[in-house]
PDB file of all heavy atoms in Angstrom:
ATOM      1  N   ASP A   1     -11.077  10.176 -17.081  1.00  0.00           N
ATOM      2  CA  ASP A   1     -11.813   9.501 -16.015  1.00  0.00           C
ATOM      3  C   ASP A   1     -10.952   8.443 -15.335  1.00  0.00           C
ATOM      4  O   ASP A   1     -10.349   7.596 -16.004  1.00  0.00           O
ATOM      5  CB  ASP A   1     -13.062   8.853 -16.619  1.00  0.00           C
ATOM      6  CG  ASP A   1     -14.006   8.285 -15.581  1.00  0.00           C
ATOM      7  OD1 ASP A   1     -13.682   8.332 -14.394  1.00  0.00           O
ATOM      8  OD2 ASP A   1     -15.070   7.784 -15.985  1.00  0.00           O
ATOM      9  N   PHE A   2     -10.893   8.488 -13.991  1.00  0.00           N
ATOM     10  CA  PHE A   2     -10.147   7.486 -13.245  1.00  0.00           C
ATOM     11  C   PHE A   2     -10.794   6.111 -13.348  1.00  0.00           C
ATOM     12  O   PHE A   2     -10.133   5.091 -13.218  1.00  0.00           O
ATOM     13  CB  PHE A   2     -10.055   7.890 -11.769  1.00  0.00           C
ATOM     14  CG  PHE A   2     -11.388   7.877 -11.053  1.00  0.00           C
ATOM     15  CD1 PHE A   2     -11.870   6.718 -10.474  1.00  0.00           C
ATOM     16  CD2 PHE A   2     -12.155   9.031 -10.971  1.00  0.00           C
ATOM     17  CE1 PHE A   2     -13.099   6.712  -9.827  1.00  0.00           C
ATOM     18  CE2 PHE A   2     -13.373   9.030 -10.322  1.00  0.00           C
ATOM     19  CZ  PHE A   2     -13.849   7.862  -9.746  1.00  0.00           C
ATOM     20  N   HIS A   3     -12.105   6.077 -13.572  1.00  0.00           N
ATOM     21  CA  HIS A   3     -12.829   4.802 -13.610  1.00  0.00           C
ATOM     22  C   HIS A   3     -13.032   4.375 -15.063  1.00  0.00           C
ATOM     23  O   HIS A   3     -13.732   5.037 -15.828  1.00  0.00           O
ATOM     24  CB  HIS A   3     -14.197   4.947 -12.932  1.00  0.00           C
ATOM     25  CG  HIS A   3     -15.026   3.703 -12.992  1.00  0.00           C
ATOM     26  ND1 HIS A   3     -14.630   2.524 -12.395  1.00  0.00           N
ATOM     27  CD2 HIS A   3     -16.217   3.448 -13.586  1.00  0.00           C
ATOM     28  CE1 HIS A   3     -15.554   1.599 -12.619  1.00  0.00           C
ATOM     29  NE2 HIS A   3     -16.513   2.128 -13.338  1.00  0.00           N
ATOM     30  N   ARG A   4     -12.416   3.292 -15.436  1.00  0.00           N
ATOM     31  CA  ARG A   4     -12.501   2.809 -16.811  1.00  0.00           C
ATOM     32  C   ARG A   4     -13.786   2.007 -17.011  1.00  0.00           C
ATOM     33  O   ARG A   4     -13.785   0.775 -16.943  1.00  0.00           O
ATOM     34  CB  ARG A   4     -11.294   1.952 -17.148  1.00  0.00           C
ATOM     35  CG  ARG A   4      -9.979   2.728 -17.197  1.00  0.00           C
ATOM     36  CD  ARG A   4      -8.883   1.836 -17.716  1.00  0.00           C
ATOM     37  NE  ARG A   4      -7.625   2.537 -17.861  1.00  0.00           N
ATOM     38  CZ  ARG A   4      -6.549   2.018 -18.449  1.00  0.00           C
ATOM     39  NH1 ARG A   4      -6.617   0.770 -18.924  1.00  0.00           N
ATOM     40  NH2 ARG A   4      -5.430   2.696 -18.546  1.00  0.00           N
ATOM     41  N   GLY A   5     -14.864   2.715 -17.216  1.00  0.00           N
ATOM     42  CA  GLY A   5     -16.131   2.051 -17.459  1.00  0.00           C
ATOM     43  C   GLY A   5     -16.165   1.392 -18.830  1.00  0.00           C
ATOM     44  O   GLY A   5     -15.272   1.566 -19.657  1.00  0.00           O
ATOM     45  N   ILE A   6     -17.212   0.635 -19.080  1.00  0.00           N
ATOM     46  CA  ILE A   6     -17.376  -0.074 -20.355  1.00  0.00           C
ATOM     47  C   ILE A   6     -17.989   0.858 -21.397  1.00  0.00           C
ATOM     48  O   ILE A   6     -18.991   1.524 -21.131  1.00  0.00           O
ATOM     49  CB  ILE A   6     -18.265  -1.312 -20.168  1.00  0.00           C
ATOM     50  CG1 ILE A   6     -17.595  -2.308 -19.224  1.00  0.00           C
ATOM     51  CG2 ILE A   6     -18.563  -1.978 -21.513  1.00  0.00           C
ATOM     52  CD1 ILE A   6     -18.470  -3.486 -18.875  1.00  0.00           C
ATOM     53  N   SER A   7     -17.406   0.898 -22.570  1.00  0.00           N
ATOM     54  CA  SER A   7     -17.905   1.749 -23.645  1.00  0.00           C
ATOM     55  C   SER A   7     -19.308   1.323 -24.076  1.00  0.00           C
ATOM     56  O   SER A   7     -19.538   0.153 -24.392  1.00  0.00           O
ATOM     57  CB  SER A   7     -16.960   1.688 -24.850  1.00  0.00           C
ATOM     58  OG  SER A   7     -17.517   2.368 -25.956  1.00  0.00           O
ATOM     59  N   LYS A   8     -20.219   2.287 -24.087  1.00  0.00           N
ATOM     60  CA  LYS A   8     -21.578   1.968 -24.525  1.00  0.00           C
ATOM     61  C   LYS A   8     -21.669   1.861 -26.043  1.00  0.00           C
ATOM     62  O   LYS A   8     -22.659   1.377 -26.581  1.00  0.00           O
ATOM     63  CB  LYS A   8     -22.563   3.020 -24.018  1.00  0.00           C
ATOM     64  CG  LYS A   8     -22.352   4.413 -24.581  1.00  0.00           C
ATOM     65  CD  LYS A   8     -23.383   5.364 -24.023  1.00  0.00           C
ATOM     66  CE  LYS A   8     -23.223   6.773 -24.588  1.00  0.00           C
ATOM     67  NZ  LYS A   8     -24.232   7.713 -24.039  1.00  0.00           N
ATOM     68  N   PHE A   9     -20.611   2.308 -26.726  1.00  0.00           N
ATOM     69  CA  PHE A   9     -20.602   2.252 -28.190  1.00  0.00           C
ATOM     70  C   PHE A   9     -19.863   1.027 -28.719  1.00  0.00           C
ATOM     71  O   PHE A   9     -20.215   0.488 -29.766  1.00  0.00           O
ATOM     72  CB  PHE A   9     -19.948   3.507 -28.768  1.00  0.00           C
ATOM     73  CG  PHE A   9     -20.649   4.787 -28.428  1.00  0.00           C
ATOM     74  CD1 PHE A   9     -20.098   5.668 -27.511  1.00  0.00           C
ATOM     75  CD2 PHE A   9     -21.875   5.102 -28.991  1.00  0.00           C
ATOM     76  CE1 PHE A   9     -20.740   6.851 -27.185  1.00  0.00           C
ATOM     77  CE2 PHE A   9     -22.532   6.284 -28.671  1.00  0.00           C
ATOM     78  CZ  PHE A   9     -21.959   7.153 -27.761  1.00  0.00           C
ATOM     79  N   HIS A  10     -18.825   0.585 -27.998  1.00  0.00           N
ATOM     80  CA  HIS A  10     -17.949  -0.448 -28.546  1.00  0.00           C
ATOM     81  C   HIS A  10     -17.823  -1.698 -27.671  1.00  0.00           C
ATOM     82  O   HIS A  10     -17.070  -2.611 -28.006  1.00  0.00           O
ATOM     83  CB  HIS A  10     -16.562   0.139 -28.796  1.00  0.00           C
ATOM     84  CG  HIS A  10     -16.591   1.393 -29.620  1.00  0.00           C
ATOM     85  ND1 HIS A  10     -16.998   1.401 -30.932  1.00  0.00           N
ATOM     86  CD2 HIS A  10     -16.303   2.685 -29.301  1.00  0.00           C
ATOM     87  CE1 HIS A  10     -16.938   2.642 -31.404  1.00  0.00           C
ATOM     88  NE2 HIS A  10     -16.536   3.437 -30.436  1.00  0.00           N
ATOM     89  N   GLY A  11     -18.511  -1.737 -26.539  1.00  0.00           N
ATOM     90  CA  GLY A  11     -18.529  -2.957 -25.740  1.00  0.00           C
ATOM     91  C   GLY A  11     -17.465  -3.032 -24.656  1.00  0.00           C
ATOM     92  O   GLY A  11     -16.697  -2.090 -24.442  1.00  0.00           O
ATOM     93  N   PRO A  12     -17.399  -4.179 -23.966  1.00  0.00           N
ATOM     94  CA  PRO A  12     -16.554  -4.337 -22.778  1.00  0.00           C
ATOM     95  C   PRO A  12     -15.045  -4.320 -23.028  1.00  0.00           C
ATOM     96  O   PRO A  12     -14.278  -4.203 -22.085  1.00  0.00           O
ATOM     97  CB  PRO A  12     -16.986  -5.713 -22.238  1.00  0.00           C
ATOM     98  CG  PRO A  12     -17.513  -6.440 -23.425  1.00  0.00           C
ATOM     99  CD  PRO A  12     -18.176  -5.395 -24.265  1.00  0.00           C
ATOM    100  N   ASP A  13     -14.634  -4.430 -24.274  1.00  0.00           N
ATOM    101  CA  ASP A  13     -13.199  -4.426 -24.569  1.00  0.00           C
ATOM    102  C   ASP A  13     -12.634  -3.017 -24.725  1.00  0.00           C
ATOM    103  O   ASP A  13     -11.436  -2.850 -24.978  1.00  0.00           O
ATOM    104  CB  ASP A  13     -12.917  -5.219 -25.848  1.00  0.00           C
ATOM    105  CG  ASP A  13     -13.219  -6.698 -25.675  1.00  0.00           C
ATOM    106  OD1 ASP A  13     -13.138  -7.184 -24.530  1.00  0.00           O
ATOM    107  OD2 ASP A  13     -13.558  -7.354 -26.675  1.00  0.00           O
ATOM    108  N   PHE A  14     -13.497  -2.003 -24.533  1.00  0.00           N
ATOM    109  CA  PHE A  14     -13.058  -0.627 -24.731  1.00  0.00           C
ATOM    110  C   PHE A  14     -13.501   0.272 -23.580  1.00  0.00           C
ATOM    111  O   PHE A  14     -14.505   0.015 -22.918  1.00  0.00           O
ATOM    112  CB  PHE A  14     -13.598  -0.083 -26.062  1.00  0.00           C
ATOM    113  CG  PHE A  14     -13.104  -0.847 -27.260  1.00  0.00           C
ATOM    114  CD1 PHE A  14     -13.823  -1.916 -27.763  1.00  0.00           C
ATOM    115  CD2 PHE A  14     -11.900  -0.514 -27.857  1.00  0.00           C
ATOM    116  CE1 PHE A  14     -13.357  -2.639 -28.846  1.00  0.00           C
ATOM    117  CE2 PHE A  14     -11.426  -1.230 -28.951  1.00  0.00           C
ATOM    118  CZ  PHE A  14     -12.163  -2.292 -29.448  1.00  0.00           C
ATOM    119  N   ILE A  15     -12.732   1.339 -23.352  1.00  0.00           N
ATOM    120  CA  ILE A  15     -12.982   2.286 -22.265  1.00  0.00           C
ATOM    121  C   ILE A  15     -14.150   3.197 -22.613  1.00  0.00           C
ATOM    122  O   ILE A  15     -14.296   3.632 -23.753  1.00  0.00           O
ATOM    123  CB  ILE A  15     -11.725   3.142 -22.013  1.00  0.00           C
ATOM    124  CG1 ILE A  15     -10.564   2.264 -21.534  1.00  0.00           C
ATOM    125  CG2 ILE A  15     -12.009   4.249 -20.994  1.00  0.00           C
ATOM    126  CD1 ILE A  15      -9.241   2.997 -21.443  1.00  0.00           C
ATOM    127  N   ASN A  16     -14.968   3.484 -21.626  1.00  0.00           N
ATOM    128  CA  ASN A  16     -16.066   4.432 -21.811  1.00  0.00           C
ATOM    129  C   ASN A  16     -15.506   5.849 -21.789  1.00  0.00           C
ATOM    130  O   ASN A  16     -15.030   6.330 -20.756  1.00  0.00           O
ATOM    131  CB  ASN A  16     -17.102   4.255 -20.698  1.00  0.00           C
ATOM    132  CG  ASN A  16     -18.368   5.045 -20.973  1.00  0.00           C
ATOM    133  OD1 ASN A  16     -18.657   5.400 -22.117  1.00  0.00           O
ATOM    134  ND2 ASN A  16     -19.125   5.321 -19.928  1.00  0.00           N
ATOM    135  N   ILE A  17     -15.530   6.509 -22.925  1.00  0.00           N
ATOM    136  CA  ILE A  17     -14.966   7.852 -23.056  1.00  0.00           C
ATOM    137  C   ILE A  17     -16.070   8.897 -22.960  1.00  0.00           C
ATOM    138  O   ILE A  17     -17.105   8.794 -23.599  1.00  0.00           O
ATOM    139  CB  ILE A  17     -14.226   8.000 -24.404  1.00  0.00           C
ATOM    140  CG1 ILE A  17     -13.058   7.001 -24.451  1.00  0.00           C
ATOM    141  CG2 ILE A  17     -13.715   9.417 -24.606  1.00  0.00           C
ATOM    142  CD1 ILE A  17     -12.339   6.969 -25.772  1.00  0.00           C
ATOM    143  N   CYS A  18     -15.833   9.912 -22.130  1.00  0.00           N
ATOM    144  CA  CYS A  18     -16.773  11.026 -21.973  1.00  0.00           C
ATOM    145  C   CYS A  18     -18.159  10.574 -21.508  1.00  0.00           C
ATOM    146  O   CYS A  18     -19.177  10.941 -22.111  1.00  0.00           O
ATOM    147  CB  CYS A  18     -16.891  11.828 -23.266  1.00  0.00           C
ATOM    148  SG  CYS A  18     -15.439  12.818 -23.632  1.00  0.00           S
ATOM    149  N   ALA A  19     -18.207   9.794 -20.453  1.00  0.00           N
ATOM    150  CA  ALA A  19     -19.496   9.421 -19.871  1.00  0.00           C
ATOM    151  C   ALA A  19     -20.239  10.691 -19.470  1.00  0.00           C
ATOM    152  O   ALA A  19     -19.671  11.595 -18.850  1.00  0.00           O
ATOM    153  CB  ALA A  19     -19.282   8.532 -18.652  1.00  0.00           C
ATOM    154  N   ASP A  20     -21.514  10.779 -19.850  1.00  0.00           N
ATOM    155  CA  ASP A  20     -22.349  11.947 -19.551  1.00  0.00           C
ATOM    156  C   ASP A  20     -23.115  11.644 -18.260  1.00  0.00           C
ATOM    157  O   ASP A  20     -24.065  10.868 -18.264  1.00  0.00           O
ATOM    158  CB  ASP A  20     -23.304  12.200 -20.722  1.00  0.00           C
ATOM    159  CG  ASP A  20     -24.012  13.537 -20.612  1.00  0.00           C
ATOM    160  OD1 ASP A  20     -23.924  14.174 -19.553  1.00  0.00           O
ATOM    161  OD2 ASP A  20     -24.678  13.935 -21.590  1.00  0.00           O
ATOM    162  N   VAL A  21     -22.708  12.278 -17.139  1.00  0.00           N
ATOM    163  CA  VAL A  21     -23.217  11.899 -15.824  1.00  0.00           C
ATOM    164  C   VAL A  21     -23.962  13.068 -15.157  1.00  0.00           C
ATOM    165  O   VAL A  21     -23.484  14.208 -15.169  1.00  0.00           O
ATOM    166  CB  VAL A  21     -22.064  11.439 -14.908  1.00  0.00           C
ATOM    167  CG1 VAL A  21     -22.599  11.026 -13.535  1.00  0.00           C
ATOM    168  CG2 VAL A  21     -21.303  10.288 -15.553  1.00  0.00           C
ATOM    169  N   TYR A  22     -25.106  12.759 -14.592  1.00  0.00           N
ATOM    170  CA  TYR A  22     -25.880  13.746 -13.823  1.00  0.00           C
ATOM    171  C   TYR A  22     -25.180  13.999 -12.495  1.00  0.00           C
ATOM    172  O   TYR A  22     -24.910  13.075 -11.731  1.00  0.00           O
ATOM    173  CB  TYR A  22     -27.295  13.233 -13.589  1.00  0.00           C
ATOM    174  CG  TYR A  22     -28.134  14.098 -12.671  1.00  0.00           C
ATOM    175  CD1 TYR A  22     -28.368  15.439 -12.963  1.00  0.00           C
ATOM    176  CD2 TYR A  22     -28.691  13.567 -11.511  1.00  0.00           C
ATOM    177  CE1 TYR A  22     -29.145  16.235 -12.123  1.00  0.00           C
ATOM    178  CE2 TYR A  22     -29.473  14.342 -10.664  1.00  0.00           C
ATOM    179  CZ  TYR A  22     -29.682  15.688 -10.979  1.00  0.00           C
ATOM    180  OH  TYR A  22     -30.441  16.461 -10.142  1.00  0.00           O
ATOM    181  N   GLU A  23     -24.866  15.265 -12.207  1.00  0.00           N
ATOM    182  CA  GLU A  23     -24.147  15.643 -10.995  1.00  0.00           C
ATOM    183  C   GLU A  23     -24.963  16.697 -10.235  1.00  0.00           C
ATOM    184  O   GLU A  23     -24.770  17.905 -10.420  1.00  0.00           O
ATOM    185  CB  GLU A  23     -22.767  16.220 -11.351  1.00  0.00           C
ATOM    186  CG  GLU A  23     -21.927  15.373 -12.295  1.00  0.00           C
ATOM    187  CD  GLU A  23     -21.302  14.165 -11.620  1.00  0.00           C
ATOM    188  OE1 GLU A  23     -21.638  13.891 -10.460  1.00  0.00           O
ATOM    189  OE2 GLU A  23     -20.479  13.495 -12.257  1.00  0.00           O
ATOM    190  N   PRO A  24     -25.911  16.291  -9.382  1.00  0.00           N
ATOM    191  CA  PRO A  24     -26.761  17.252  -8.676  1.00  0.00           C
ATOM    192  C   PRO A  24     -25.959  18.201  -7.784  1.00  0.00           C
ATOM    193  O   PRO A  24     -24.969  17.791  -7.162  1.00  0.00           O
ATOM    194  CB  PRO A  24     -27.678  16.355  -7.836  1.00  0.00           C
ATOM    195  CG  PRO A  24     -26.953  15.054  -7.723  1.00  0.00           C
ATOM    196  CD  PRO A  24     -26.177  14.902  -8.987  1.00  0.00           C
ATOM    197  N   ILE A  25     -26.381  19.449  -7.726  1.00  0.00           N
ATOM    198  CA  ILE A  25     -25.659  20.474  -6.982  1.00  0.00           C
ATOM    199  C   ILE A  25     -25.519  20.120  -5.512  1.00  0.00           C
ATOM    200  O   ILE A  25     -24.471  20.335  -4.896  1.00  0.00           O
ATOM    201  CB  ILE A  25     -26.355  21.846  -7.140  1.00  0.00           C
ATOM    202  CG1 ILE A  25     -26.219  22.341  -8.579  1.00  0.00           C
ATOM    203  CG2 ILE A  25     -25.747  22.879  -6.185  1.00  0.00           C
ATOM    204  CD1 ILE A  25     -26.887  23.675  -8.844  1.00  0.00           C
ATOM    205  N   GLU A  26     -26.590  19.580  -4.918  1.00  0.00           N
ATOM    206  CA  GLU A  26     -26.554  19.289  -3.480  1.00  0.00           C
ATOM    207  C   GLU A  26     -25.481  18.258  -3.122  1.00  0.00           C
ATOM    208  O   GLU A  26     -25.027  18.203  -1.975  1.00  0.00           O
ATOM    209  CB  GLU A  26     -27.924  18.797  -2.989  1.00  0.00           C
ATOM    210  CG  GLU A  26     -28.460  17.557  -3.661  1.00  0.00           C
ATOM    211  CD  GLU A  26     -29.290  17.847  -4.903  1.00  0.00           C
ATOM    212  OE1 GLU A  26     -29.169  18.962  -5.449  1.00  0.00           O
ATOM    213  OE2 GLU A  26     -30.064  16.960  -5.309  1.00  0.00           O
ATOM    214  N   GLU A  27     -25.045  17.457  -4.075  1.00  0.00           N
ATOM    215  CA  GLU A  27     -24.006  16.463  -3.820  1.00  0.00           C
ATOM    216  C   GLU A  27     -22.627  16.911  -4.304  1.00  0.00           C
ATOM    217  O   GLU A  27     -21.617  16.300  -3.940  1.00  0.00           O
ATOM    218  CB  GLU A  27     -24.371  15.141  -4.498  1.00  0.00           C
ATOM    219  CG  GLU A  27     -25.635  14.490  -3.950  1.00  0.00           C
ATOM    220  CD  GLU A  27     -25.985  13.208  -4.687  1.00  0.00           C
ATOM    221  OE1 GLU A  27     -25.108  12.675  -5.403  1.00  0.00           O
ATOM    222  OE2 GLU A  27     -27.139  12.750  -4.561  1.00  0.00           O
TER     223      GLU A  27
END
């Protein structure tokens, strides 16, 4: 991922790995 989001498991000091994102077909 180009965007280093905050890990939901380990907090703001870690990268969010494998974010599960809804990607609607129309978009």
